[in-house]
């Protein structure tokens, strides 16, 4: 993974140019109007806030699936995984996490293991909260194998005003749960696909913290049925 500078530990490197642009515009507007200057200042502060890059404490357990993003669990469904990943037509559990413009947008690896495949799919920019966003929107799909030999997938999905997906992962790369791997700007959704027998530990409407919230437990000795209600 590409190294993060000390500054990037506070603000993600993708945010530098936007913060500078917002600050320059604020300076120009402020020279004409104090009101516009204050509006620009607030906008610049929000831009820096959007690209914040906080530290997280990730639970250590090879069976845990950790939330790849901050946001609300929008849906938990049994669906066919993205065709580009070659996982077949058998259904998997999909957990969809919606990120609004005030959430941290840094994405994190959900489990420890190895990256098997990356696939970028150009597409549309529907509202990320819509069901069709998983199929039609621009997305970056990642297939990985956990240290326990289980294949899972996670997908960055662009939203209505998002126009760039950043993914720093490489195929065959070894990764750790909670590790930063990219972001989506400026509003988006993250889907994660898990085997049907995975024990789901979150529910729809729950707020998740990327890199910290445990979404699921893949220890099948604890439960042979997913702990969620299909809607």
C-alpha atoms as a PDB file:
ATOM      1  CA  UNK A   1       0.000   0.000   0.000  1.00  0.00           C
ATOM      2  CA  UNK A   2       1.208   3.526  -0.741  1.00  0.00           C
ATOM      3  CA  UNK A   3       2.686   5.188   2.365  1.00  0.00           C
ATOM      4  CA  UNK A   4       0.807   7.958   4.128  1.00  0.00           C
ATOM      5  CA  UNK A   5       2.708  11.099   5.118  1.00  0.00           C
ATOM      6  CA  UNK A   6       2.418  12.625   8.574  1.00  0.00           C
ATOM      7  CA  UNK A   7      -0.042  15.202   7.240  1.00  0.00           C
ATOM      8  CA  UNK A   8      -2.105  12.440   5.630  1.00  0.00           C
ATOM      9  CA  UNK A   9      -2.568  10.996   9.111  1.00  0.00           C
ATOM     10  CA  UNK A  10      -4.767  14.031   9.744  1.00  0.00           C
ATOM     11  CA  UNK A  11      -6.127  14.822   6.273  1.00  0.00           C
ATOM     12  CA  UNK A  12      -6.139  12.387   3.343  1.00  0.00           C
ATOM     13  CA  UNK A  13      -3.800  13.408   0.521  1.00  0.00           C
ATOM     14  CA  UNK A  14      -6.747  13.554  -1.924  1.00  0.00           C
ATOM     15  CA  UNK A  15      -8.094  16.519   0.027  1.00  0.00           C
ATOM     16  CA  UNK A  16      -5.097  18.856  -0.309  1.00  0.00           C
ATOM     17  CA  UNK A  17      -6.009  20.298  -3.702  1.00  0.00           C
ATOM     18  CA  UNK A  18      -9.670  20.809  -2.751  1.00  0.00           C
ATOM     19  CA  UNK A  19      -8.786  22.585   0.478  1.00  0.00           C
ATOM     20  CA  UNK A  20      -6.424  24.894  -1.418  1.00  0.00           C
ATOM     21  CA  UNK A  21      -9.086  25.620  -4.057  1.00  0.00           C
ATOM     22  CA  UNK A  22     -11.703  26.353  -1.383  1.00  0.00           C
ATOM     23  CA  UNK A  23      -9.263  28.618   0.467  1.00  0.00           C
ATOM     24  CA  UNK A  24      -8.346  30.596  -2.680  1.00  0.00           C
ATOM     25  CA  UNK A  25     -11.999  31.068  -3.597  1.00  0.00           C
ATOM     26  CA  UNK A  26     -12.693  32.176  -0.017  1.00  0.00           C
ATOM     27  CA  UNK A  27      -9.908  34.769  -0.236  1.00  0.00           C
ATOM     28  CA  UNK A  28     -11.283  36.143  -3.510  1.00  0.00           C
ATOM     29  CA  UNK A  29     -14.881  36.249  -2.272  1.00  0.00           C
ATOM     30  CA  UNK A  30     -13.818  37.787   1.020  1.00  0.00           C
ATOM     31  CA  UNK A  31     -12.183  40.682  -0.798  1.00  0.00           C
ATOM     32  CA  UNK A  32     -15.592  41.606  -2.225  1.00  0.00           C
ATOM     33  CA  UNK A  33     -17.947  40.685   0.599  1.00  0.00           C
ATOM     34  CA  UNK A  34     -17.530  39.826   4.257  1.00  0.00           C
ATOM     35  CA  UNK A  35     -20.630  37.635   4.080  1.00  0.00           C
ATOM     36  CA  UNK A  36     -19.265  35.641   1.136  1.00  0.00           C
ATOM     37  CA  UNK A  37     -15.947  35.452   2.938  1.00  0.00           C
ATOM     38  CA  UNK A  38     -17.561  33.789   5.956  1.00  0.00           C
ATOM     39  CA  UNK A  39     -19.476  31.409   3.701  1.00  0.00           C
ATOM     40  CA  UNK A  40     -16.218  30.497   1.985  1.00  0.00           C
ATOM     41  CA  UNK A  41     -14.465  30.023   5.329  1.00  0.00           C
ATOM     42  CA  UNK A  42     -17.150  27.641   6.542  1.00  0.00           C
ATOM     43  CA  UNK A  43     -16.985  25.762   3.227  1.00  0.00           C
ATOM     44  CA  UNK A  44     -13.204  25.454   3.477  1.00  0.00           C
ATOM     45  CA  UNK A  45     -13.443  24.129   7.029  1.00  0.00           C
ATOM     46  CA  UNK A  46     -16.057  21.606   5.893  1.00  0.00           C
ATOM     47  CA  UNK A  47     -13.779  20.479   3.054  1.00  0.00           C
ATOM     48  CA  UNK A  48     -10.935  19.839   5.508  1.00  0.00           C
ATOM     49  CA  UNK A  49     -13.395  18.028   7.787  1.00  0.00           C
ATOM     50  CA  UNK A  50     -14.609  15.852   4.922  1.00  0.00           C
ATOM     51  CA  UNK A  51     -11.104  14.608   4.142  1.00  0.00           C
ATOM     52  CA  UNK A  52     -10.195  13.943   7.788  1.00  0.00           C
ATOM     53  CA  UNK A  53      -8.247  10.754   8.360  1.00  0.00           C
ATOM     54  CA  UNK A  54      -8.732   9.569  11.969  1.00  0.00           C
ATOM     55  CA  UNK A  55      -6.950   6.718  13.688  1.00  0.00           C
ATOM     56  CA  UNK A  56      -9.078   3.686  14.554  1.00  0.00           C
ATOM     57  CA  UNK A  57      -8.636   0.730  16.931  1.00  0.00           C
ATOM     58  CA  UNK A  58      -9.506  -2.483  15.061  1.00  0.00           C
ATOM     59  CA  UNK A  59     -10.661  -5.608  16.976  1.00  0.00           C
ATOM     60  CA  UNK A  60      -8.190  -8.466  16.517  1.00  0.00           C
ATOM     61  CA  UNK A  61      -9.899 -11.715  15.492  1.00  0.00           C
ATOM     62  CA  UNK A  62      -9.355 -13.575  12.220  1.00  0.00           C
ATOM     63  CA  UNK A  63     -13.052 -14.514  12.104  1.00  0.00           C
ATOM     64  CA  UNK A  64     -14.307 -10.939  12.370  1.00  0.00           C
ATOM     65  CA  UNK A  65     -15.447  -8.882   9.387  1.00  0.00           C
ATOM     66  CA  UNK A  66     -14.824  -5.217  10.149  1.00  0.00           C
ATOM     67  CA  UNK A  67     -16.804  -2.350   8.673  1.00  0.00           C
ATOM     68  CA  UNK A  68     -14.957  -0.946   5.627  1.00  0.00           C
ATOM     69  CA  UNK A  69     -16.566   2.473   6.059  1.00  0.00           C
ATOM     70  CA  UNK A  70     -18.289   4.912   8.382  1.00  0.00           C
ATOM     71  CA  UNK A  71     -22.016   5.275   7.771  1.00  0.00           C
ATOM     72  CA  UNK A  72     -25.451   3.724   8.169  1.00  0.00           C
ATOM     73  CA  UNK A  73     -26.234   0.090   7.405  1.00  0.00           C
ATOM     74  CA  UNK A  74     -28.747   0.739   4.663  1.00  0.00           C
ATOM     75  CA  UNK A  75     -29.608  -2.842   3.762  1.00  0.00           C
ATOM     76  CA  UNK A  76     -28.717  -6.469   4.464  1.00  0.00           C
ATOM     77  CA  UNK A  77     -29.835  -8.771   1.662  1.00  0.00           C
ATOM     78  CA  UNK A  78     -29.131 -12.078  -0.039  1.00  0.00           C
ATOM     79  CA  UNK A  79     -28.061 -11.252  -3.591  1.00  0.00           C
ATOM     80  CA  UNK A  80     -25.869 -12.470  -6.427  1.00  0.00           C
ATOM     81  CA  UNK A  81     -22.369 -10.936  -6.128  1.00  0.00           C
ATOM     82  CA  UNK A  82     -20.903  -8.712  -8.879  1.00  0.00           C
ATOM     83  CA  UNK A  83     -20.297 -10.797 -12.006  1.00  0.00           C
ATOM     84  CA  UNK A  84     -16.878  -9.245 -12.638  1.00  0.00           C
ATOM     85  CA  UNK A  85     -15.436 -11.003  -9.589  1.00  0.00           C
ATOM     86  CA  UNK A  86     -16.201 -14.500 -10.824  1.00  0.00           C
ATOM     87  CA  UNK A  87     -17.868 -15.669  -7.613  1.00  0.00           C
ATOM     88  CA  UNK A  88     -20.608 -17.480  -9.516  1.00  0.00           C
ATOM     89  CA  UNK A  89     -24.378 -17.190  -9.367  1.00  0.00           C
ATOM     90  CA  UNK A  90     -24.854 -18.437  -5.808  1.00  0.00           C
ATOM     91  CA  UNK A  91     -26.266 -15.778  -3.523  1.00  0.00           C
ATOM     92  CA  UNK A  92     -24.202 -14.132  -0.801  1.00  0.00           C
ATOM     93  CA  UNK A  93     -25.100 -11.770   2.021  1.00  0.00           C
ATOM     94  CA  UNK A  94     -24.622  -8.149   0.987  1.00  0.00           C
ATOM     95  CA  UNK A  95     -24.256  -5.479   3.652  1.00  0.00           C
ATOM     96  CA  UNK A  96     -24.642  -1.977   2.208  1.00  0.00           C
ATOM     97  CA  UNK A  97     -23.260   1.007   4.111  1.00  0.00           C
ATOM     98  CA  UNK A  98     -24.322   4.488   3.021  1.00  0.00           C
ATOM     99  CA  UNK A  99     -21.968   7.415   3.623  1.00  0.00           C
ATOM    100  CA  UNK A 100     -23.304  10.965   3.729  1.00  0.00           C
ATOM    101  CA  UNK A 101     -21.168  14.065   3.198  1.00  0.00           C
ATOM    102  CA  UNK A 102     -20.426  14.369   6.923  1.00  0.00           C
ATOM    103  CA  UNK A 103     -19.067  10.835   7.374  1.00  0.00           C
ATOM    104  CA  UNK A 104     -15.366   9.944   7.279  1.00  0.00           C
ATOM    105  CA  UNK A 105     -14.818   8.743   3.717  1.00  0.00           C
ATOM    106  CA  UNK A 106     -11.632   6.745   4.264  1.00  0.00           C
ATOM    107  CA  UNK A 107     -12.212   3.078   3.346  1.00  0.00           C
ATOM    108  CA  UNK A 108     -10.646   0.231   5.322  1.00  0.00           C
ATOM    109  CA  UNK A 109      -9.960  -3.427   4.579  1.00  0.00           C
ATOM    110  CA  UNK A 110     -12.624  -5.597   6.300  1.00  0.00           C
ATOM    111  CA  UNK A 111     -10.457  -8.653   7.071  1.00  0.00           C
ATOM    112  CA  UNK A 112      -6.887  -9.898   7.187  1.00  0.00           C
ATOM    113  CA  UNK A 113      -5.849 -11.857   4.109  1.00  0.00           C
ATOM    114  CA  UNK A 114      -4.735 -11.490   0.495  1.00  0.00           C
ATOM    115  CA  UNK A 115      -6.149  -9.458  -2.398  1.00  0.00           C
ATOM    116  CA  UNK A 116      -7.073 -11.782  -5.257  1.00  0.00           C
ATOM    117  CA  UNK A 117      -8.627  -9.477  -7.815  1.00  0.00           C
ATOM    118  CA  UNK A 118      -9.430  -5.832  -8.508  1.00  0.00           C
ATOM    119  CA  UNK A 119     -12.003  -4.649 -11.020  1.00  0.00           C
ATOM    120  CA  UNK A 120     -12.987  -1.085 -11.913  1.00  0.00           C
ATOM    121  CA  UNK A 121     -16.424  -0.696 -13.492  1.00  0.00           C
ATOM    122  CA  UNK A 122     -17.290   2.682 -15.078  1.00  0.00           C
ATOM    123  CA  UNK A 123     -20.922   3.573 -14.693  1.00  0.00           C
ATOM    124  CA  UNK A 124     -23.572   6.097 -13.754  1.00  0.00           C
ATOM    125  CA  UNK A 125     -23.926   8.318 -10.690  1.00  0.00           C
ATOM    126  CA  UNK A 126     -27.338   7.552  -9.234  1.00  0.00           C
ATOM    127  CA  UNK A 127     -28.014   8.395  -5.601  1.00  0.00           C
ATOM    128  CA  UNK A 128     -25.936   5.823  -3.679  1.00  0.00           C
ATOM    129  CA  UNK A 129     -28.870   5.089  -1.372  1.00  0.00           C
ATOM    130  CA  UNK A 130     -30.826   3.527  -4.246  1.00  0.00           C
ATOM    131  CA  UNK A 131     -30.788  -0.249  -4.789  1.00  0.00           C
ATOM    132  CA  UNK A 132     -29.809   0.139  -8.451  1.00  0.00           C
ATOM    133  CA  UNK A 133     -26.595   1.900  -7.425  1.00  0.00           C
ATOM    134  CA  UNK A 134     -24.986  -1.488  -6.716  1.00  0.00           C
ATOM    135  CA  UNK A 135     -25.515  -2.492 -10.344  1.00  0.00           C
ATOM    136  CA  UNK A 136     -25.399   0.674 -12.430  1.00  0.00           C
ATOM    137  CA  UNK A 137     -23.087   3.093 -10.602  1.00  0.00           C
ATOM    138  CA  UNK A 138     -19.366   3.502 -11.099  1.00  0.00           C
ATOM    139  CA  UNK A 139     -17.605   1.120  -8.724  1.00  0.00           C
ATOM    140  CA  UNK A 140     -14.351  -0.486  -7.679  1.00  0.00           C
ATOM    141  CA  UNK A 141     -14.738  -4.148  -6.697  1.00  0.00           C
ATOM    142  CA  UNK A 142     -12.208  -6.072  -4.632  1.00  0.00           C
ATOM    143  CA  UNK A 143     -12.075  -9.835  -4.165  1.00  0.00           C
ATOM    144  CA  UNK A 144     -10.001 -11.142  -1.278  1.00  0.00           C
ATOM    145  CA  UNK A 145      -9.278 -14.376   0.540  1.00  0.00           C
ATOM    146  CA  UNK A 146      -9.153 -14.188   4.321  1.00  0.00           C
ATOM    147  CA  UNK A 147      -6.461 -15.913   6.371  1.00  0.00           C
ATOM    148  CA  UNK A 148      -9.038 -18.653   6.987  1.00  0.00           C
ATOM    149  CA  UNK A 149      -9.368 -19.303   3.242  1.00  0.00           C
ATOM    150  CA  UNK A 150     -12.799 -17.693   2.795  1.00  0.00           C
ATOM    151  CA  UNK A 151     -13.469 -15.526  -0.256  1.00  0.00           C
ATOM    152  CA  UNK A 152     -15.272 -12.247   0.373  1.00  0.00           C
ATOM    153  CA  UNK A 153     -15.733  -9.113  -1.725  1.00  0.00           C
ATOM    154  CA  UNK A 154     -16.088  -5.429  -0.969  1.00  0.00           C
ATOM    155  CA  UNK A 155     -17.088  -2.666  -3.356  1.00  0.00           C
ATOM    156  CA  UNK A 156     -16.645   1.116  -3.394  1.00  0.00           C
ATOM    157  CA  UNK A 157     -19.628   2.715  -5.146  1.00  0.00           C
ATOM    158  CA  UNK A 158     -19.715   6.310  -6.370  1.00  0.00           C
ATOM    159  CA  UNK A 159     -22.757   8.388  -5.435  1.00  0.00           C
ATOM    160  CA  UNK A 160     -24.810  11.211  -6.854  1.00  0.00           C
ATOM    161  CA  UNK A 161     -22.077  13.836  -6.545  1.00  0.00           C
ATOM    162  CA  UNK A 162     -19.086  11.520  -6.181  1.00  0.00           C
ATOM    163  CA  UNK A 163     -16.805  11.599  -9.192  1.00  0.00           C
ATOM    164  CA  UNK A 164     -13.681   9.810  -8.041  1.00  0.00           C
ATOM    165  CA  UNK A 165     -12.966   6.461  -6.405  1.00  0.00           C
ATOM    166  CA  UNK A 166      -9.487   5.987  -4.938  1.00  0.00           C
ATOM    167  CA  UNK A 167      -8.219   2.445  -4.326  1.00  0.00           C
ATOM    168  CA  UNK A 168      -4.584   1.899  -3.323  1.00  0.00           C
ATOM    169  CA  UNK A 169      -4.728  -1.905  -3.265  1.00  0.00           C
ATOM    170  CA  UNK A 170      -2.818  -4.219  -5.588  1.00  0.00           C
ATOM    171  CA  UNK A 171      -3.503  -7.810  -6.605  1.00  0.00           C
ATOM    172  CA  UNK A 172      -1.640 -10.431  -4.514  1.00  0.00           C
ATOM    173  CA  UNK A 173      -1.112  -7.833  -1.777  1.00  0.00           C
ATOM    174  CA  UNK A 174      -1.291  -9.038   1.842  1.00  0.00           C
ATOM    175  CA  UNK A 175      -3.545  -6.818   3.951  1.00  0.00           C
ATOM    176  CA  UNK A 176      -4.690  -6.488   7.544  1.00  0.00           C
ATOM    177  CA  UNK A 177      -8.169  -5.820   8.895  1.00  0.00           C
ATOM    178  CA  UNK A 178      -8.713  -2.103   9.467  1.00  0.00           C
ATOM    179  CA  UNK A 179      -5.935  -1.070   7.083  1.00  0.00           C
ATOM    180  CA  UNK A 180      -6.683   2.074   5.060  1.00  0.00           C
ATOM    181  CA  UNK A 181      -6.968   1.432   1.340  1.00  0.00           C
ATOM    182  CA  UNK A 182      -8.726   4.383  -0.299  1.00  0.00           C
ATOM    183  CA  UNK A 183     -11.734   6.681  -0.295  1.00  0.00           C
ATOM    184  CA  UNK A 184     -14.677   7.919  -2.353  1.00  0.00           C
ATOM    185  CA  UNK A 185     -15.532  11.588  -2.688  1.00  0.00           C
ATOM    186  CA  UNK A 186     -18.054  13.264  -1.968  1.00  0.00           C
ATOM    187  CA  UNK A 187     -20.931  10.933  -1.077  1.00  0.00           C
ATOM    188  CA  UNK A 188     -21.014   7.234  -1.597  1.00  0.00           C
ATOM    189  CA  UNK A 189     -21.744   3.672  -0.568  1.00  0.00           C
ATOM    190  CA  UNK A 190     -19.729   0.598   0.305  1.00  0.00           C
ATOM    191  CA  UNK A 191     -21.040  -2.951  -0.196  1.00  0.00           C
ATOM    192  CA  UNK A 192     -19.520  -6.078   1.300  1.00  0.00           C
ATOM    193  CA  UNK A 193     -20.355  -9.626   0.188  1.00  0.00           C
ATOM    194  CA  UNK A 194     -20.115 -12.541   2.635  1.00  0.00           C
ATOM    195  CA  UNK A 195     -20.968 -16.280   2.554  1.00  0.00           C
ATOM    196  CA  UNK A 196     -24.583 -17.110   3.438  1.00  0.00           C
ATOM    197  CA  UNK A 197     -23.744 -18.877   6.696  1.00  0.00           C
ATOM    198  CA  UNK A 198     -21.887 -15.898   8.110  1.00  0.00           C
ATOM    199  CA  UNK A 199     -23.266 -14.669  11.440  1.00  0.00           C
ATOM    200  CA  UNK A 200     -24.256 -11.032  10.886  1.00  0.00           C
ATOM    201  CA  UNK A 201     -23.823  -8.873  13.995  1.00  0.00           C
ATOM    202  CA  UNK A 202     -25.345  -5.593  12.793  1.00  0.00           C
ATOM    203  CA  UNK A 203     -28.836  -4.573  11.736  1.00  0.00           C
ATOM    204  CA  UNK A 204     -30.338  -2.189   9.213  1.00  0.00           C
ATOM    205  CA  UNK A 205     -30.266   1.409  10.398  1.00  0.00           C
ATOM    206  CA  UNK A 206     -27.238   0.877  12.637  1.00  0.00           C
ATOM    207  CA  UNK A 207     -24.365   3.358  12.547  1.00  0.00           C
ATOM    208  CA  UNK A 208     -20.976   1.819  11.743  1.00  0.00           C
ATOM    209  CA  UNK A 209     -17.472   3.080  12.403  1.00  0.00           C
ATOM    210  CA  UNK A 210     -14.994   2.097   9.703  1.00  0.00           C
ATOM    211  CA  UNK A 211     -12.149  -0.017  11.004  1.00  0.00           C
ATOM    212  CA  UNK A 212     -13.868  -0.638  14.360  1.00  0.00           C
ATOM    213  CA  UNK A 213     -17.439  -1.931  14.070  1.00  0.00           C
ATOM    214  CA  UNK A 214     -17.653  -5.731  13.750  1.00  0.00           C
ATOM    215  CA  UNK A 215     -20.140  -6.474  10.965  1.00  0.00           C
ATOM    216  CA  UNK A 216     -20.007 -10.262  11.125  1.00  0.00           C
ATOM    217  CA  UNK A 217     -18.388 -13.318  12.671  1.00  0.00           C
ATOM    218  CA  UNK A 218     -17.276 -16.044  10.275  1.00  0.00           C
ATOM    219  CA  UNK A 219     -16.718 -18.629  13.000  1.00  0.00           C
ATOM    220  CA  UNK A 220     -19.360 -21.144  11.874  1.00  0.00           C
ATOM    221  CA  UNK A 221     -19.018 -23.124  15.097  1.00  0.00           C
ATOM    222  CA  UNK A 222     -20.919 -20.321  16.851  1.00  0.00           C
ATOM    223  CA  UNK A 223     -23.850 -20.148  14.472  1.00  0.00           C
ATOM    224  CA  UNK A 224     -24.908 -21.886  11.279  1.00  0.00           C
ATOM    225  CA  UNK A 225     -27.464 -19.239  10.421  1.00  0.00           C
ATOM    226  CA  UNK A 226     -27.047 -15.538   9.705  1.00  0.00           C
ATOM    227  CA  UNK A 227     -28.383 -13.316  12.480  1.00  0.00           C
ATOM    228  CA  UNK A 228     -30.519 -11.011  10.406  1.00  0.00           C
ATOM    229  CA  UNK A 229     -33.967 -10.797   8.903  1.00  0.00           C
ATOM    230  CA  UNK A 230     -34.170 -10.596   5.122  1.00  0.00           C
ATOM    231  CA  UNK A 231     -36.453  -7.747   4.055  1.00  0.00           C
END
